[in-house]
Amino acid sequence: MGVAIQIKDVPEAVRDAIAARAAARGQSTQAFLRALLDREFRAERNRTLLESTIGRRHLTMSADEVVDEIRGGREGGE
């Protein structure tokens, strides 16, 4: 179950722009904002996960070997 969030003092022009974007996507303003908040949450979570992997790379292949592997995969998938 989700929680309710209330945002006060939003300028009318901002509210109108959000409502227009939601309508253009066939969404309610609430659905549009919920999706916007969810995307922001996922982006931050992904950024945190990526930052946590910095310094943990263990690539034992050379750049040429990586290219050969990619090319081989492409040719094998045809």
C-alpha atoms as a PDB file:
ATOM      1  CA  MET A   1       0.000   0.000   0.000  1.00  0.00           C
ATOM      2  CA  GLY A   2       1.379   3.371  -0.962  1.00  0.00           C
ATOM      3  CA  VAL A   3       1.418   6.553   1.018  1.00  0.00           C
ATOM      4  CA  ALA A   4      -0.053   9.928   0.130  1.00  0.00           C
ATOM      5  CA  ILE A   5       2.253  12.839  -0.638  1.00  0.00           C
ATOM      6  CA  GLN A   6       1.004  16.405  -0.756  1.00  0.00           C
ATOM      7  CA  ILE A   7       2.978  19.206  -2.380  1.00  0.00           C
ATOM      8  CA  LYS A   8       2.027  22.766  -1.493  1.00  0.00           C
ATOM      9  CA  ASP A   9       2.740  26.067  -3.210  1.00  0.00           C
ATOM     10  CA  VAL A  10       3.123  24.671  -6.721  1.00  0.00           C
ATOM     11  CA  PRO A  11       2.845  27.533  -9.229  1.00  0.00           C
ATOM     12  CA  GLU A  12      -0.217  27.309 -11.460  1.00  0.00           C
ATOM     13  CA  ALA A  13       1.935  27.324 -14.596  1.00  0.00           C
ATOM     14  CA  VAL A  14       3.794  24.245 -13.338  1.00  0.00           C
ATOM     15  CA  ARG A  15       0.550  22.479 -12.442  1.00  0.00           C
ATOM     16  CA  ASP A  16      -0.893  23.297 -15.852  1.00  0.00           C
ATOM     17  CA  ALA A  17       2.211  22.017 -17.648  1.00  0.00           C
ATOM     18  CA  ILE A  18       2.157  18.766 -15.664  1.00  0.00           C
ATOM     19  CA  ALA A  19      -1.555  18.304 -16.361  1.00  0.00           C
ATOM     20  CA  ALA A  20      -0.957  18.902 -20.082  1.00  0.00           C
ATOM     21  CA  ARG A  21       1.892  16.365 -20.196  1.00  0.00           C
ATOM     22  CA  ALA A  22      -0.245  13.820 -18.374  1.00  0.00           C
ATOM     23  CA  ALA A  23      -3.156  14.381 -20.754  1.00  0.00           C
ATOM     24  CA  ALA A  24      -0.862  14.039 -23.773  1.00  0.00           C
ATOM     25  CA  ARG A  25       0.110  10.591 -22.471  1.00  0.00           C
ATOM     26  CA  GLY A  26      -3.474   9.649 -21.699  1.00  0.00           C
ATOM     27  CA  GLN A  27      -2.774   9.630 -17.964  1.00  0.00           C
ATOM     28  CA  SER A  28      -4.242  11.332 -14.964  1.00  0.00           C
ATOM     29  CA  THR A  29      -2.030  13.918 -13.300  1.00  0.00           C
ATOM     30  CA  GLN A  30      -1.706  11.544 -10.350  1.00  0.00           C
ATOM     31  CA  ALA A  31      -0.568   8.630 -12.525  1.00  0.00           C
ATOM     32  CA  PHE A  32       1.875  10.880 -14.388  1.00  0.00           C
ATOM     33  CA  LEU A  33       3.440  12.189 -11.165  1.00  0.00           C
ATOM     34  CA  ARG A  34       3.582   8.714  -9.618  1.00  0.00           C
ATOM     35  CA  ALA A  35       5.471   7.443 -12.670  1.00  0.00           C
ATOM     36  CA  LEU A  36       7.773  10.473 -12.549  1.00  0.00           C
ATOM     37  CA  LEU A  37       8.593   9.815  -8.895  1.00  0.00           C
ATOM     38  CA  ASP A  38       9.149   6.133  -9.615  1.00  0.00           C
ATOM     39  CA  ARG A  39      11.552   6.913 -12.484  1.00  0.00           C
ATOM     40  CA  GLU A  40      13.488   9.289 -10.243  1.00  0.00           C
ATOM     41  CA  PHE A  41      13.707   6.630  -7.525  1.00  0.00           C
ATOM     42  CA  ARG A  42      14.917   3.960  -9.982  1.00  0.00           C
ATOM     43  CA  ALA A  43      17.486   6.314 -11.515  1.00  0.00           C
ATOM     44  CA  GLU A  44      18.950   7.107  -8.109  1.00  0.00           C
ATOM     45  CA  ARG A  45      18.946   3.425  -7.111  1.00  0.00           C
ATOM     46  CA  ASN A  46      20.707   2.502 -10.367  1.00  0.00           C
ATOM     47  CA  ARG A  47      23.251   5.286  -9.874  1.00  0.00           C
ATOM     48  CA  THR A  48      23.979   4.002  -6.369  1.00  0.00           C
ATOM     49  CA  LEU A  49      24.382   0.434  -7.619  1.00  0.00           C
ATOM     50  CA  LEU A  50      26.742   1.511 -10.391  1.00  0.00           C
ATOM     51  CA  GLU A  51      28.818   3.599  -8.006  1.00  0.00           C
ATOM     52  CA  SER A  52      29.104   0.619  -5.668  1.00  0.00           C
ATOM     53  CA  THR A  53      30.711  -1.442  -8.448  1.00  0.00           C
ATOM     54  CA  ILE A  54      33.481   1.056  -9.168  1.00  0.00           C
ATOM     55  CA  GLY A  55      36.809  -0.602  -8.494  1.00  0.00           C
ATOM     56  CA  ARG A  56      35.342  -4.107  -8.636  1.00  0.00           C
ATOM     57  CA  ARG A  57      35.996  -4.791 -12.296  1.00  0.00           C
ATOM     58  CA  HIS A  58      37.874  -7.985 -12.996  1.00  0.00           C
ATOM     59  CA  LEU A  59      38.214  -8.051 -16.765  1.00  0.00           C
ATOM     60  CA  THR A  60      40.844 -10.543 -17.809  1.00  0.00           C
ATOM     61  CA  MET A  61      40.319 -10.098 -21.552  1.00  0.00           C
ATOM     62  CA  SER A  62      42.139  -7.572 -23.677  1.00  0.00           C
ATOM     63  CA  ALA A  63      40.183  -4.985 -25.645  1.00  0.00           C
ATOM     64  CA  ASP A  64      40.860  -6.940 -28.851  1.00  0.00           C
ATOM     65  CA  GLU A  65      39.534 -10.127 -27.265  1.00  0.00           C
ATOM     66  CA  VAL A  66      36.380  -8.308 -26.170  1.00  0.00           C
ATOM     67  CA  VAL A  67      35.837  -7.012 -29.711  1.00  0.00           C
ATOM     68  CA  ASP A  68      36.402 -10.503 -31.142  1.00  0.00           C
ATOM     69  CA  GLU A  69      33.916 -11.978 -28.656  1.00  0.00           C
ATOM     70  CA  ILE A  70      31.263  -9.403 -29.537  1.00  0.00           C
ATOM     71  CA  ARG A  71      31.788  -9.922 -33.258  1.00  0.00           C
ATOM     72  CA  GLY A  72      31.637 -13.668 -32.828  1.00  0.00           C
ATOM     73  CA  GLY A  73      28.369 -13.379 -30.949  1.00  0.00           C
ATOM     74  CA  ARG A  74      26.874 -11.206 -33.638  1.00  0.00           C
ATOM     75  CA  GLU A  75      27.961 -13.536 -36.429  1.00  0.00           C
ATOM     76  CA  GLY A  76      26.741 -16.592 -34.558  1.00  0.00           C
ATOM     77  CA  GLY A  77      23.309 -15.056 -33.995  1.00  0.00           C
ATOM     78  CA  GLU A  78      22.550 -14.547 -37.670  1.00  0.00           C
END
